[in-house]
Amino acid sequence: MNFYTRKWVKPEDLNAHGTLFGGRLLGWIDEEAAIYSIIQLGTNGCVTKYMSEINFINSASQGDIIELGIKATHFGNTSISLMCEVRNKITQKSILTIDKIVFVSVDENGKPVRHGRKEITYTDERLRE
């Protein structure tokens, strides 16, 4: 699992209980997964298709530094499947896991289009293509 992004939990990220708001975290995950998919598929024409069960394991509090981990698990003809883990950077405790997130490569009309990718490419390699 590659942990590329870190977030600092600030007051505006909290819910009524004083912990990280799940909706804020899911927004960060969707953005990180989209960036990862764009890099892996070599196109910014990617959309979120599916997100499996979201498992909230531990909470995060104001001042915590969290990191988002994404890993490609499968390349389809028009899609890429990912898994995600969010953990506390300092304690390494898992905050959330998502077993499957699917992004689909689409054309300018929003129709699925083949992407031709079959394996993970590391960021620096893909950006140089």
C-alpha atoms as a PDB file:
ATOM      1  CA  MET A   1       0.000   0.000   0.000  1.00  0.00           C
ATOM      2  CA  ASN A   2       1.358   3.420  -0.943  1.00  0.00           C
ATOM      3  CA  PHE A   3       0.663   6.264   1.480  1.00  0.00           C
ATOM      4  CA  TYR A   4       1.102   9.416  -0.612  1.00  0.00           C
ATOM      5  CA  THR A   5      -1.126  11.963   1.087  1.00  0.00           C
ATOM      6  CA  ARG A   6      -1.124  13.284   4.623  1.00  0.00           C
ATOM      7  CA  LYS A   7      -3.812  15.457   6.161  1.00  0.00           C
ATOM      8  CA  TRP A   8      -3.761  17.474   9.350  1.00  0.00           C
ATOM      9  CA  VAL A   9      -7.111  17.272  11.155  1.00  0.00           C
ATOM     10  CA  LYS A  10      -8.216  20.849  11.841  1.00  0.00           C
ATOM     11  CA  PRO A  11     -11.262  22.288  13.664  1.00  0.00           C
ATOM     12  CA  GLU A  12     -13.227  22.677  10.415  1.00  0.00           C
ATOM     13  CA  ASP A  13     -12.841  18.908   9.787  1.00  0.00           C
ATOM     14  CA  LEU A  14     -14.618  17.862  12.998  1.00  0.00           C
ATOM     15  CA  ASN A  15     -18.127  16.566  13.630  1.00  0.00           C
ATOM     16  CA  ALA A  16     -20.403  17.382  16.585  1.00  0.00           C
ATOM     17  CA  HIS A  17     -18.503  14.842  18.729  1.00  0.00           C
ATOM     18  CA  GLY A  18     -15.150  16.558  18.182  1.00  0.00           C
ATOM     19  CA  THR A  19     -13.739  13.821  15.953  1.00  0.00           C
ATOM     20  CA  LEU A  20     -13.013  13.751  12.237  1.00  0.00           C
ATOM     21  CA  PHE A  21     -16.240  14.030  10.214  1.00  0.00           C
ATOM     22  CA  GLY A  22     -16.662  10.895   8.085  1.00  0.00           C
ATOM     23  CA  GLY A  23     -17.942  12.880   5.110  1.00  0.00           C
ATOM     24  CA  ARG A  24     -14.804  15.012   5.082  1.00  0.00           C
ATOM     25  CA  LEU A  25     -12.635  11.893   5.190  1.00  0.00           C
ATOM     26  CA  LEU A  26     -14.589  10.270   2.352  1.00  0.00           C
ATOM     27  CA  GLY A  27     -14.125  13.412   0.253  1.00  0.00           C
ATOM     28  CA  TRP A  28     -10.361  13.231   0.815  1.00  0.00           C
ATOM     29  CA  ILE A  29     -10.366   9.528  -0.100  1.00  0.00           C
ATOM     30  CA  ASP A  30     -12.372  10.083  -3.287  1.00  0.00           C
ATOM     31  CA  GLU A  31      -9.983  12.832  -4.380  1.00  0.00           C
ATOM     32  CA  GLU A  32      -6.883  10.754  -3.578  1.00  0.00           C
ATOM     33  CA  ALA A  33      -8.322   7.699  -5.347  1.00  0.00           C
ATOM     34  CA  ALA A  34      -9.188   9.831  -8.398  1.00  0.00           C
ATOM     35  CA  ILE A  35      -5.646  11.232  -8.597  1.00  0.00           C
ATOM     36  CA  TYR A  36      -4.207   7.731  -8.225  1.00  0.00           C
ATOM     37  CA  SER A  37      -6.523   6.425 -10.977  1.00  0.00           C
ATOM     38  CA  ILE A  38      -5.697   9.309 -13.314  1.00  0.00           C
ATOM     39  CA  ILE A  39      -1.987   8.577 -12.935  1.00  0.00           C
ATOM     40  CA  GLN A  40      -2.405   4.813 -13.335  1.00  0.00           C
ATOM     41  CA  LEU A  41      -4.720   5.015 -16.354  1.00  0.00           C
ATOM     42  CA  GLY A  42      -2.938   7.919 -18.004  1.00  0.00           C
ATOM     43  CA  THR A  43      -6.115   9.958 -18.458  1.00  0.00           C
ATOM     44  CA  ASN A  44      -8.013  12.496 -16.392  1.00  0.00           C
ATOM     45  CA  GLY A  45     -11.255  11.128 -17.842  1.00  0.00           C
ATOM     46  CA  CYS A  46     -11.967   8.948 -14.779  1.00  0.00           C
ATOM     47  CA  VAL A  47     -15.103   8.786 -12.667  1.00  0.00           C
ATOM     48  CA  THR A  48     -15.964   7.017  -9.421  1.00  0.00           C
ATOM     49  CA  LYS A  49     -18.190   4.027 -10.188  1.00  0.00           C
ATOM     50  CA  TYR A  50     -18.345   2.084  -6.938  1.00  0.00           C
ATOM     51  CA  MET A  51     -17.232   2.117  -3.326  1.00  0.00           C
ATOM     52  CA  SER A  52     -17.681  -0.997  -1.174  1.00  0.00           C
ATOM     53  CA  GLU A  53     -18.462  -1.104   2.526  1.00  0.00           C
ATOM     54  CA  ILE A  54     -16.600   1.558   4.478  1.00  0.00           C
ATOM     55  CA  ASN A  55     -15.198   0.273   7.738  1.00  0.00           C
ATOM     56  CA  PHE A  56     -14.570   2.988  10.340  1.00  0.00           C
ATOM     57  CA  ILE A  57     -12.173   1.383  12.849  1.00  0.00           C
ATOM     58  CA  ASN A  58     -10.833   4.255  14.979  1.00  0.00           C
ATOM     59  CA  SER A  59     -11.530   7.965  15.095  1.00  0.00           C
ATOM     60  CA  ALA A  60      -9.168  10.851  14.514  1.00  0.00           C
ATOM     61  CA  SER A  61      -9.111  14.015  16.608  1.00  0.00           C
ATOM     62  CA  GLN A  62      -8.109  17.617  16.086  1.00  0.00           C
ATOM     63  CA  GLY A  63      -4.364  17.874  15.634  1.00  0.00           C
ATOM     64  CA  ASP A  64      -3.922  14.302  14.404  1.00  0.00           C
ATOM     65  CA  ILE A  65      -1.970  13.736  11.218  1.00  0.00           C
ATOM     66  CA  ILE A  66      -3.509  11.033   9.077  1.00  0.00           C
ATOM     67  CA  GLU A  67      -2.264   9.411   5.896  1.00  0.00           C
ATOM     68  CA  LEU A  68      -4.252   7.939   3.037  1.00  0.00           C
ATOM     69  CA  GLY A  69      -3.067   4.733   1.406  1.00  0.00           C
ATOM     70  CA  ILE A  70      -4.262   3.529  -1.988  1.00  0.00           C
ATOM     71  CA  LYS A  71      -3.329   0.395  -3.926  1.00  0.00           C
ATOM     72  CA  ALA A  72      -4.491  -0.867  -7.318  1.00  0.00           C
ATOM     73  CA  THR A  73      -5.852  -4.405  -7.032  1.00  0.00           C
ATOM     74  CA  HIS A  74      -7.237  -5.042 -10.536  1.00  0.00           C
ATOM     75  CA  PHE A  75      -7.171  -3.513 -13.999  1.00  0.00           C
ATOM     76  CA  GLY A  76     -10.292  -4.126 -16.105  1.00  0.00           C
ATOM     77  CA  ASN A  77     -10.779  -3.097 -19.735  1.00  0.00           C
ATOM     78  CA  THR A  78     -12.305   0.257 -18.808  1.00  0.00           C
ATOM     79  CA  SER A  79     -11.837   0.260 -15.035  1.00  0.00           C
ATOM     80  CA  ILE A  80      -9.359   0.132 -12.205  1.00  0.00           C
ATOM     81  CA  SER A  81     -10.126  -1.324  -8.771  1.00  0.00           C
ATOM     82  CA  LEU A  82      -8.415   0.027  -5.680  1.00  0.00           C
ATOM     83  CA  MET A  83      -8.242  -0.659  -1.976  1.00  0.00           C
ATOM     84  CA  CYS A  84      -7.783   2.045   0.653  1.00  0.00           C
ATOM     85  CA  GLU A  85      -6.557   2.378   4.202  1.00  0.00           C
ATOM     86  CA  VAL A  86      -6.396   5.528   6.285  1.00  0.00           C
ATOM     87  CA  ARG A  87      -4.187   5.487   9.351  1.00  0.00           C
ATOM     88  CA  ASN A  88      -2.863   7.789  12.030  1.00  0.00           C
ATOM     89  CA  LYS A  89       0.635   8.834  10.928  1.00  0.00           C
ATOM     90  CA  ILE A  90       2.059   8.864  14.455  1.00  0.00           C
ATOM     91  CA  THR A  91       0.391   5.845  16.117  1.00  0.00           C
ATOM     92  CA  GLN A  92      -0.049   3.812  12.892  1.00  0.00           C
ATOM     93  CA  LYS A  93      -3.552   2.866  14.107  1.00  0.00           C
ATOM     94  CA  SER A  94      -5.963   2.185  11.266  1.00  0.00           C
ATOM     95  CA  ILE A  95      -8.796   4.717  11.050  1.00  0.00           C
ATOM     96  CA  LEU A  96     -10.701   3.365   8.055  1.00  0.00           C
ATOM     97  CA  THR A  97     -10.536   0.675   5.380  1.00  0.00           C
ATOM     98  CA  ILE A  98     -12.342   0.296   2.075  1.00  0.00           C
ATOM     99  CA  ASP A  99     -11.895  -3.038   0.332  1.00  0.00           C
ATOM    100  CA  LYS A 100     -12.889  -1.876  -3.136  1.00  0.00           C
ATOM    101  CA  ILE A 101     -13.176   1.412  -4.998  1.00  0.00           C
ATOM    102  CA  VAL A 102     -13.764   1.276  -8.757  1.00  0.00           C
ATOM    103  CA  PHE A 103     -12.979   4.065 -11.197  1.00  0.00           C
ATOM    104  CA  VAL A 104     -13.968   3.918 -14.866  1.00  0.00           C
ATOM    105  CA  SER A 105     -12.188   5.604 -17.745  1.00  0.00           C
ATOM    106  CA  VAL A 106     -14.722   7.605 -19.783  1.00  0.00           C
ATOM    107  CA  ASP A 107     -14.738   9.573 -23.030  1.00  0.00           C
ATOM    108  CA  GLU A 108     -15.947  13.164 -23.481  1.00  0.00           C
ATOM    109  CA  ASN A 109     -19.559  11.901 -23.532  1.00  0.00           C
ATOM    110  CA  GLY A 110     -19.209  10.012 -20.260  1.00  0.00           C
ATOM    111  CA  LYS A 111     -19.184   6.587 -21.931  1.00  0.00           C
ATOM    112  CA  PRO A 112     -16.724   3.911 -20.733  1.00  0.00           C
ATOM    113  CA  VAL A 113     -13.611   3.664 -22.884  1.00  0.00           C
ATOM    114  CA  ARG A 114     -10.766   1.133 -22.887  1.00  0.00           C
ATOM    115  CA  HIS A 115      -7.625   2.392 -21.193  1.00  0.00           C
ATOM    116  CA  GLY A 116      -5.106  -0.314 -22.174  1.00  0.00           C
ATOM    117  CA  ARG A 117      -3.334  -0.480 -18.782  1.00  0.00           C
ATOM    118  CA  LYS A 118      -2.604  -3.803 -17.093  1.00  0.00           C
ATOM    119  CA  GLU A 119      -0.252  -3.144 -14.179  1.00  0.00           C
ATOM    120  CA  ILE A 120       0.733  -0.572 -11.580  1.00  0.00           C
ATOM    121  CA  THR A 121       3.095   2.131 -12.760  1.00  0.00           C
ATOM    122  CA  TYR A 122       4.832   4.278 -10.186  1.00  0.00           C
ATOM    123  CA  THR A 123       4.037   7.983 -10.203  1.00  0.00           C
ATOM    124  CA  ASP A 124       7.315   9.293 -11.524  1.00  0.00           C
ATOM    125  CA  GLU A 125       7.376   6.796 -14.388  1.00  0.00           C
ATOM    126  CA  ARG A 126       3.800   7.577 -15.472  1.00  0.00           C
ATOM    127  CA  LEU A 127       4.229  11.332 -15.334  1.00  0.00           C
ATOM    128  CA  ARG A 128       7.258  11.143 -17.639  1.00  0.00           C
ATOM    129  CA  GLU A 129       5.297   9.321 -20.395  1.00  0.00           C
END
